[in-house]
Every structure is written in structure tokens, then in C-alpha cells.
């Protein structure tokens, strides 16, 4: 029981809520629609708000393709796997 209370306290400490002015929310809705995603970057202290894509899977498809080409693609993966100890 003590562990559960400690977990709940940590969760509460990890998250905080803020209130945004309604006119700001309305501006975001006008530009992005009713469904949007947001992420806060603690390093830059910036809040990113983007329109929620119809399919997150499709939106992420191909992400990093250029990186894999530069790294060598499947040859790079094979080399990495071959370097692993049995």
C-alpha cells in the first residue's frame, strides 16, 4: 500500500496542469482543427502544437529513411547484428 501511495505521489509531481486562455485555444482550433497534439520540450522550454494527422502510423511512415540511407541501410543493420556477441 505504501508503494502505491509513493507511485501516485510521483505521478502527481511529474505532471502539472496549466490553464490556457480560451482565445488561445480558439486560435489553435481555427488553424489546426479540433484535434491537435502538443509536446513540451524542457530543454528549449518550447511548446509544440501540431495538427493531429488522420493516421499517426501513416504520418510516421518513412520517417528516418534518409538517415538509414546515409548509414548504409540493410548492410548497416547486418554489420551491427554480426558485431553482437553470441
Protein backbone atom coordinates (compact mmCIF):
# COMPACT_ATOMS: atom_id res chain seq x y z
CA UNK A 1 0.00 0.00 0.00
CA UNK A 2 2.87 2.40 0.81
CA UNK A 3 4.44 1.75 -2.60
CA UNK A 4 1.19 2.60 -4.36
CA UNK A 5 0.90 5.87 -2.45
CA UNK A 6 4.51 6.71 -3.33
CA UNK A 7 3.84 5.92 -7.03
CA UNK A 8 0.78 8.16 -7.09
CA UNK A 9 2.75 10.98 -5.45
CA UNK A 10 5.49 10.65 -8.09
CA UNK A 11 2.92 10.78 -10.87
CA UNK A 12 1.40 13.92 -9.41
CA UNK A 13 4.86 15.51 -9.07
CA UNK A 14 5.81 14.55 -12.64
CA UNK A 15 2.77 16.21 -14.20
CA UNK A 16 1.29 19.59 -13.72
CA UNK A 17 -1.56 21.31 -15.41
CA UNK A 18 -1.89 24.80 -16.70
CA UNK A 19 -4.84 26.79 -17.92
CA UNK A 20 -4.64 28.34 -21.35
CA UNK A 21 -6.73 31.35 -22.25
CA UNK A 22 -9.81 30.40 -24.25
CA UNK A 23 -8.89 32.81 -27.05
CA UNK A 24 -5.57 30.97 -27.48
CA UNK A 25 -7.40 27.63 -27.71
CA UNK A 26 -9.83 29.10 -30.27
CA UNK A 27 -6.89 30.39 -32.37
CA UNK A 28 -5.28 26.96 -32.33
CA UNK A 29 -8.58 25.32 -33.30
CA UNK A 30 -9.05 27.74 -36.20
CA UNK A 31 -5.60 26.98 -37.56
CA UNK A 32 -5.36 23.26 -36.75
CA UNK A 33 -8.89 21.99 -36.20
CA UNK A 34 -10.41 20.42 -33.10
CA UNK A 35 -7.83 17.65 -32.75
CA UNK A 36 -4.23 18.58 -32.20
CA UNK A 37 -1.17 17.18 -30.45
CA UNK A 38 1.19 19.09 -28.25
CA UNK A 39 4.59 18.42 -26.76
CA UNK A 40 6.69 20.47 -24.36
CA UNK A 41 10.49 20.45 -24.71
CA UNK A 42 12.01 21.14 -21.28
CA UNK A 43 15.44 21.91 -22.77
CA UNK A 44 14.24 24.69 -25.06
CA UNK A 45 11.20 25.46 -22.92
CA UNK A 46 9.03 25.46 -26.03
CA UNK A 47 5.55 24.09 -26.52
CA UNK A 48 4.94 22.49 -29.92
CA UNK A 49 1.38 22.22 -31.18
CA UNK A 50 0.65 20.33 -34.40
CA UNK A 51 -2.45 19.22 -36.23
CA UNK A 52 -3.32 15.63 -35.41
CA UNK A 53 -2.92 13.58 -38.57
CA UNK A 54 -5.77 11.25 -39.60
CA UNK A 55 -3.38 8.32 -39.10
CA UNK A 56 -0.32 8.68 -36.90
CA UNK A 57 1.09 5.46 -38.37
CA UNK A 58 0.87 6.83 -41.90
CA UNK A 59 2.30 10.18 -40.81
CA UNK A 60 5.35 8.46 -39.30
CA UNK A 61 5.83 6.04 -42.21
CA UNK A 62 9.21 6.60 -43.84
CA UNK A 63 10.48 8.82 -41.04
CA UNK A 64 14.25 8.40 -40.90
CA UNK A 65 14.53 6.90 -44.40
CA UNK A 66 17.27 9.39 -45.33
CA UNK A 67 19.14 8.56 -42.14
CA UNK A 68 19.08 4.84 -42.94
CA UNK A 69 20.30 5.51 -46.49
CA UNK A 70 23.22 7.56 -45.17
CA UNK A 71 24.06 4.86 -42.60
CA UNK A 72 24.08 2.13 -45.24
CA UNK A 73 20.57 0.70 -44.95
CA UNK A 74 20.24 -3.05 -44.53
CA UNK A 75 24.02 -3.52 -44.88
CA UNK A 76 24.46 -1.38 -41.78
CA UNK A 77 21.92 -3.48 -39.89
CA UNK A 78 23.66 -6.70 -40.93
CA UNK A 79 27.02 -5.35 -39.76
CA UNK A 80 25.53 -4.36 -36.42
CA UNK A 81 23.92 -7.76 -35.93
CA UNK A 82 27.15 -9.52 -36.88
CA UNK A 83 29.02 -7.50 -34.23
CA UNK A 84 26.74 -8.73 -31.45
CA UNK A 85 28.20 -11.39 -29.19
CA UNK A 86 26.51 -14.78 -29.34
